[in-house]
PDB file of N, CA and C in Angstrom:
ATOM      1  N   MET A   1     106.799  96.742  23.597  1.00  0.00           N
ATOM      2  CA  MET A   1     108.219  96.961  23.779  1.00  0.00           C
ATOM      3  C   MET A   1     108.471  98.470  23.778  1.00  0.00           C
ATOM      4  N   SER A   2     109.298  98.912  24.697  1.00  0.00           N
ATOM      5  CA  SER A   2     109.620 100.330  24.752  1.00  0.00           C
ATOM      6  C   SER A   2     111.062 100.549  24.305  1.00  0.00           C
ATOM      7  N   CYS A   3     111.308 101.744  23.824  1.00  0.00           N
ATOM      8  CA  CYS A   3     112.642 102.117  23.360  1.00  0.00           C
ATOM      9  C   CYS A   3     113.065 103.371  24.128  1.00  0.00           C
ATOM     10  N   PRO A   4     114.143 103.309  24.915  1.00  0.00           N
ATOM     11  CA  PRO A   4     114.574 104.460  25.703  1.00  0.00           C
ATOM     12  C   PRO A   4     114.851 105.710  24.866  1.00  0.00           C
ATOM     13  N   VAL A   5     115.365 105.538  23.672  1.00  0.00           N
ATOM     14  CA  VAL A   5     115.662 106.690  22.815  1.00  0.00           C
ATOM     15  C   VAL A   5     114.367 107.371  22.390  1.00  0.00           C
ATOM     16  N   ILE A   6     113.375 106.590  21.999  1.00  0.00           N
ATOM     17  CA  ILE A   6     112.084 107.161  21.592  1.00  0.00           C
ATOM     18  C   ILE A   6     111.400 107.809  22.785  1.00  0.00           C
ATOM     19  N   GLU A   7     111.460 107.170  23.950  1.00  0.00           N
ATOM     20  CA  GLU A   7     110.844 107.745  25.145  1.00  0.00           C
ATOM     21  C   GLU A   7     111.481 109.081  25.512  1.00  0.00           C
ATOM     22  N   LEU A   8     112.803 109.174  25.456  1.00  0.00           N
ATOM     23  CA  LEU A   8     113.486 110.433  25.749  1.00  0.00           C
ATOM     24  C   LEU A   8     113.104 111.489  24.720  1.00  0.00           C
ATOM     25  N   THR A   9     113.092 111.121  23.468  1.00  0.00           N
ATOM     26  CA  THR A   9     112.717 112.060  22.411  1.00  0.00           C
ATOM     27  C   THR A   9     111.314 112.593  22.650  1.00  0.00           C
ATOM     28  N   GLN A  10     110.378 111.724  22.993  1.00  0.00           N
ATOM     29  CA  GLN A  10     109.004 112.150  23.260  1.00  0.00           C
ATOM     30  C   GLN A  10     108.944 113.094  24.454  1.00  0.00           C
ATOM     31  N   GLN A  11     109.700 112.788  25.508  1.00  0.00           N
ATOM     32  CA  GLN A  11     109.722 113.665  26.682  1.00  0.00           C
ATOM     33  C   GLN A  11     110.230 115.058  26.317  1.00  0.00           C
ATOM     34  N   LEU A  12     111.270 115.117  25.507  1.00  0.00           N
ATOM     35  CA  LEU A  12     111.829 116.413  25.114  1.00  0.00           C
ATOM     36  C   LEU A  12     110.880 117.180  24.200  1.00  0.00           C
ATOM     37  N   ILE A  13     110.249 116.483  23.263  1.00  0.00           N
ATOM     38  CA  ILE A  13     109.335 117.148  22.327  1.00  0.00           C
ATOM     39  C   ILE A  13     108.116 117.707  23.052  1.00  0.00           C
ATOM     40  N   ARG A  14     107.649 117.027  24.094  1.00  0.00           N
ATOM     41  CA  ARG A  14     106.471 117.480  24.843  1.00  0.00           C
ATOM     42  C   ARG A  14     106.713 118.785  25.592  1.00  0.00           C
ATOM     43  N   ARG A  15     107.935 119.119  25.857  1.00  0.00           N
ATOM     44  CA  ARG A  15     108.250 120.323  26.637  1.00  0.00           C
ATOM     45  C   ARG A  15     108.223 121.551  25.725  1.00  0.00           C
ATOM     46  N   PRO A  16     107.491 122.576  26.146  1.00  0.00           N
ATOM     47  CA  PRO A  16     107.389 123.791  25.320  1.00  0.00           C
ATOM     48  C   PRO A  16     108.633 124.668  25.472  1.00  0.00           C
ATOM     49  N   SER A  17     109.748 124.211  24.976  1.00  0.00           N
ATOM     50  CA  SER A  17     111.010 124.926  25.164  1.00  0.00           C
ATOM     51  C   SER A  17     111.296 125.858  23.994  1.00  0.00           C
ATOM     52  N   LEU A  18     111.738 127.044  24.356  1.00  0.00           N
ATOM     53  CA  LEU A  18     112.169 128.032  23.376  1.00  0.00           C
ATOM     54  C   LEU A  18     113.231 128.867  24.069  1.00  0.00           C
ATOM     55  N   SER A  19     114.425 128.844  23.541  1.00  0.00           N
ATOM     56  CA  SER A  19     115.559 129.504  24.173  1.00  0.00           C
ATOM     57  C   SER A  19     115.220 130.963  24.482  1.00  0.00           C
ATOM     58  N   PRO A  20     115.499 131.457  25.666  1.00  0.00           N
ATOM     59  CA  PRO A  20     116.328 130.861  26.704  1.00  0.00           C
ATOM     60  C   PRO A  20     115.556 129.981  27.704  1.00  0.00           C
ATOM     61  N   ASP A  21     114.236 129.859  27.603  1.00  0.00           N
ATOM     62  CA  ASP A  21     113.465 129.015  28.526  1.00  0.00           C
ATOM     63  C   ASP A  21     113.418 127.598  27.983  1.00  0.00           C
ATOM     64  N   ASP A  22     114.231 126.714  28.550  1.00  0.00           N
ATOM     65  CA  ASP A  22     114.319 125.351  28.015  1.00  0.00           C
ATOM     66  C   ASP A  22     113.283 124.397  28.603  1.00  0.00           C
ATOM     67  N   ALA A  23     112.409 124.902  29.473  1.00  0.00           N
ATOM     68  CA  ALA A  23     111.316 124.105  30.055  1.00  0.00           C
ATOM     69  C   ALA A  23     111.817 122.820  30.716  1.00  0.00           C
ATOM     70  N   GLY A  24     113.026 122.868  31.251  1.00  0.00           N
ATOM     71  CA  GLY A  24     113.571 121.710  31.953  1.00  0.00           C
ATOM     72  C   GLY A  24     114.301 120.700  31.081  1.00  0.00           C
ATOM     73  N   CYS A  25     114.460 120.987  29.802  1.00  0.00           N
ATOM     74  CA  CYS A  25     115.154 120.039  28.906  1.00  0.00           C
ATOM     75  C   CYS A  25     116.600 119.815  29.334  1.00  0.00           C
ATOM     76  N   GLN A  26     117.275 120.896  29.723  1.00  0.00           N
ATOM     77  CA  GLN A  26     118.675 120.750  30.149  1.00  0.00           C
ATOM     78  C   GLN A  26     118.763 119.866  31.386  1.00  0.00           C
ATOM     79  N   ALA A  27     117.887 120.109  32.362  1.00  0.00           N
ATOM     80  CA  ALA A  27     117.902 119.318  33.597  1.00  0.00           C
ATOM     81  C   ALA A  27     117.638 117.846  33.303  1.00  0.00           C
ATOM     82  N   LEU A  28     116.709 117.564  32.409  1.00  0.00           N
ATOM     83  CA  LEU A  28     116.405 116.180  32.039  1.00  0.00           C
ATOM     84  C   LEU A  28     117.624 115.505  31.415  1.00  0.00           C
ATOM     85  N   MET A  29     118.263 116.189  30.484  1.00  0.00           N
ATOM     86  CA  MET A  29     119.445 115.619  29.831  1.00  0.00           C
ATOM     87  C   MET A  29     120.600 115.434  30.821  1.00  0.00           C
ATOM     88  N   ILE A  30     120.817 116.439  31.674  1.00  0.00           N
ATOM     89  CA  ILE A  30     121.905 116.350  32.653  1.00  0.00           C
ATOM     90  C   ILE A  30     121.668 115.182  33.604  1.00  0.00           C
ATOM     91  N   GLU A  31     120.444 115.020  34.075  1.00  0.00           N
ATOM     92  CA  GLU A  31     120.117 113.908  34.976  1.00  0.00           C
ATOM     93  C   GLU A  31     120.413 112.562  34.317  1.00  0.00           C
ATOM     94  N   ARG A  32     120.003 112.411  33.076  1.00  0.00           N
ATOM     95  CA  ARG A  32     120.217 111.141  32.372  1.00  0.00           C
ATOM     96  C   ARG A  32     121.699 110.895  32.101  1.00  0.00           C
ATOM     97  N   LEU A  33     122.428 111.933  31.713  1.00  0.00           N
ATOM     98  CA  LEU A  33     123.857 111.774  31.439  1.00  0.00           C
ATOM     99  C   LEU A  33     124.636 111.429  32.705  1.00  0.00           C
ATOM    100  N   ARG A  34     124.323 112.111  33.798  1.00  0.00           N
ATOM    101  CA  ARG A  34     125.012 111.802  35.063  1.00  0.00           C
ATOM    102  C   ARG A  34     124.716 110.373  35.510  1.00  0.00           C
ATOM    103  N   ALA A  35     123.505 109.903  35.272  1.00  0.00           N
ATOM    104  CA  ALA A  35     123.113 108.546  35.678  1.00  0.00           C
ATOM    105  C   ALA A  35     123.937 107.472  34.973  1.00  0.00           C
ATOM    106  N   ILE A  36     124.497 107.793  33.814  1.00  0.00           N
ATOM    107  CA  ILE A  36     125.314 106.813  33.087  1.00  0.00           C
ATOM    108  C   ILE A  36     126.802 107.179  33.103  1.00  0.00           C
ATOM    109  N   GLY A  37     127.177 107.999  34.098  1.00  0.00           N
ATOM    110  CA  GLY A  37     128.593 108.224  34.345  1.00  0.00           C
ATOM    111  C   GLY A  37     129.234 109.429  33.696  1.00  0.00           C
ATOM    112  N   PHE A  38     128.449 110.329  33.119  1.00  0.00           N
ATOM    113  CA  PHE A  38     129.024 111.527  32.519  1.00  0.00           C
ATOM    114  C   PHE A  38     129.300 112.577  33.588  1.00  0.00           C
ATOM    115  N   THR A  39     130.328 113.363  33.378  1.00  0.00           N
ATOM    116  CA  THR A  39     130.585 114.568  34.149  1.00  0.00           C
ATOM    117  C   THR A  39     129.969 115.706  33.350  1.00  0.00           C
ATOM    118  N   VAL A  40     129.263 116.593  34.036  1.00  0.00           N
ATOM    119  CA  VAL A  40     128.561 117.673  33.343  1.00  0.00           C
ATOM    120  C   VAL A  40     129.042 119.010  33.877  1.00  0.00           C
ATOM    121  N   GLU A  41     129.391 119.900  32.974  1.00  0.00           N
ATOM    122  CA  GLU A  41     129.829 121.243  33.333  1.00  0.00           C
ATOM    123  C   GLU A  41     128.877 122.249  32.696  1.00  0.00           C
ATOM    124  N   PRO A  42     128.160 123.036  33.517  1.00  0.00           N
ATOM    125  CA  PRO A  42     127.284 124.063  32.949  1.00  0.00           C
ATOM    126  C   PRO A  42     128.112 125.110  32.203  1.00  0.00           C
ATOM    127  N   MET A  43     127.592 125.581  31.106  1.00  0.00           N
ATOM    128  CA  MET A  43     128.243 126.629  30.318  1.00  0.00           C
ATOM    129  C   MET A  43     127.153 127.603  29.891  1.00  0.00           C
ATOM    130  N   ASP A  44     126.854 128.544  30.774  1.00  0.00           N
ATOM    131  CA  ASP A  44     125.785 129.494  30.497  1.00  0.00           C
ATOM    132  C   ASP A  44     126.341 130.727  29.798  1.00  0.00           C
ATOM    133  N   PHE A  45     125.572 131.213  28.838  1.00  0.00           N
ATOM    134  CA  PHE A  45     125.937 132.398  28.074  1.00  0.00           C
ATOM    135  C   PHE A  45     124.782 133.379  28.163  1.00  0.00           C
ATOM    136  N   GLY A  46     124.962 134.422  28.983  1.00  0.00           N
ATOM    137  CA  GLY A  46     123.869 135.357  29.195  1.00  0.00           C
ATOM    138  C   GLY A  46     122.713 134.632  29.856  1.00  0.00           C
ATOM    139  N   ASP A  47     121.533 134.730  29.255  1.00  0.00           N
ATOM    140  CA  ASP A  47     120.360 134.064  29.823  1.00  0.00           C
ATOM    141  C   ASP A  47     120.114 132.691  29.206  1.00  0.00           C
ATOM    142  N   THR A  48     121.065 132.196  28.415  1.00  0.00           N
ATOM    143  CA  THR A  48     120.907 130.902  27.752  1.00  0.00           C
ATOM    144  C   THR A  48     121.792 129.857  28.419  1.00  0.00           C
ATOM    145  N   GLN A  49     121.165 128.753  28.827  1.00  0.00           N
ATOM    146  CA  GLN A  49     121.897 127.671  29.471  1.00  0.00           C
ATOM    147  C   GLN A  49     122.413 126.684  28.436  1.00  0.00           C
ATOM    148  N   ASN A  50     123.616 126.230  28.645  1.00  0.00           N
ATOM    149  CA  ASN A  50     124.238 125.173  27.850  1.00  0.00           C
ATOM    150  C   ASN A  50     125.000 124.282  28.809  1.00  0.00           C
ATOM    151  N   PHE A  51     125.500 123.177  28.313  1.00  0.00           N
ATOM    152  CA  PHE A  51     126.369 122.355  29.144  1.00  0.00           C
ATOM    153  C   PHE A  51     127.310 121.562  28.259  1.00  0.00           C
ATOM    154  N   TRP A  52     128.394 121.143  28.887  1.00  0.00           N
ATOM    155  CA  TRP A  52     129.405 120.293  28.266  1.00  0.00           C
ATOM    156  C   TRP A  52     129.421 119.018  29.092  1.00  0.00           C
ATOM    157  N   ALA A  53     129.337 117.871  28.452  1.00  0.00           N
ATOM    158  CA  ALA A  53     129.327 116.603  29.184  1.00  0.00           C
ATOM    159  C   ALA A  53     130.362 115.659  28.587  1.00  0.00           C
ATOM    160  N   TRP A  54     131.046 114.915  29.464  1.00  0.00           N
ATOM    161  CA  TRP A  54     132.023 113.947  28.996  1.00  0.00           C
ATOM    162  C   TRP A  54     132.052 112.758  29.948  1.00  0.00           C
ATOM    163  N   ARG A  55     132.564 111.665  29.435  1.00  0.00           N
ATOM    164  CA  ARG A  55     132.704 110.451  30.241  1.00  0.00           C
ATOM    165  C   ARG A  55     134.087 109.882  29.981  1.00  0.00           C
ATOM    166  N   GLY A  56     134.799 109.613  31.056  1.00  0.00           N
ATOM    167  CA  GLY A  56     136.124 109.028  30.928  1.00  0.00           C
ATOM    168  C   GLY A  56     137.195 110.059  30.627  1.00  0.00           C
ATOM    169  N   GLN A  57     138.338 109.554  30.216  1.00  0.00           N
ATOM    170  CA  GLN A  57     139.502 110.382  29.926  1.00  0.00           C
ATOM    171  C   GLN A  57     139.889 110.199  28.465  1.00  0.00           C
ATOM    172  N   GLY A  58     140.784 111.026  28.009  1.00  0.00           N
ATOM    173  CA  GLY A  58     141.312 110.833  26.663  1.00  0.00           C
ATOM    174  C   GLY A  58     140.738 111.805  25.654  1.00  0.00           C
ATOM    175  N   ARG A  59     140.930 111.468  24.405  1.00  0.00           N
ATOM    176  CA  ARG A  59     140.545 112.347  23.308  1.00  0.00           C
ATOM    177  C   ARG A  59     139.032 112.420  23.171  1.00  0.00           C
ATOM    178  N   ASN A  60     138.563 113.582  22.736  1.00  0.00           N
ATOM    179  CA  ASN A  60     137.135 113.767  22.489  1.00  0.00           C
ATOM    180  C   ASN A  60     136.738 113.067  21.209  1.00  0.00           C
ATOM    181  N   ALA A  61     135.606 112.396  21.244  1.00  0.00           N
ATOM    182  CA  ALA A  61     135.102 111.718  20.046  1.00  0.00           C
ATOM    183  C   ALA A  61     134.058 112.552  19.324  1.00  0.00           C
ATOM    184  N   GLY A  62     133.515 113.547  19.990  1.00  0.00           N
ATOM    185  CA  GLY A  62     132.478 114.350  19.339  1.00  0.00           C
ATOM    186  C   GLY A  62     132.164 115.581  20.165  1.00  0.00           C
ATOM    187  N   PHE A  63     131.337 116.421  19.602  1.00  0.00           N
ATOM    188  CA  PHE A  63     130.956 117.661  20.256  1.00  0.00           C
ATOM    189  C   PHE A  63     129.507 117.951  19.937  1.00  0.00           C
ATOM    190  N   CYS A  64     128.757 118.342  20.944  1.00  0.00           N
ATOM    191  CA  CYS A  64     127.359 118.700  20.732  1.00  0.00           C
ATOM    192  C   CYS A  64     127.060 119.930  21.566  1.00  0.00           C
ATOM    193  N   ARG A  65     126.446 120.902  20.977  1.00  0.00           N
ATOM    194  CA  ARG A  65     126.079 122.112  21.691  1.00  0.00           C
ATOM    195  C   ARG A  65     124.589 122.320  21.538  1.00  0.00           C
ATOM    196  N   THR A  66     123.917 122.648  22.647  1.00  0.00           N
ATOM    197  CA  THR A  66     122.490 122.930  22.590  1.00  0.00           C
ATOM    198  C   THR A  66     122.286 124.431  22.582  1.00  0.00           C
ATOM    199  N   TYR A  67     121.222 124.860  22.021  1.00  0.00           N
ATOM    200  CA  TYR A  67     120.896 126.288  21.982  1.00  0.00           C
ATOM    201  C   TYR A  67     119.560 126.536  22.606  1.00  0.00           C
TER     202      TYR A  67
END
């Protein structure tokens, strides 16, 4: 039996990411979020990539920032 959360975690851990070089972690997350209906807005600060993602309308339920 496979678990999508564990598989994603393993994929992210395998990538040698160290800010500002995320080794494709942002692209992987953005691809997965868009596939399930999220809108993604890049928010880059200098040489460090970040993004803001949301789905639907209305009040925000949470906030997550990557570094």
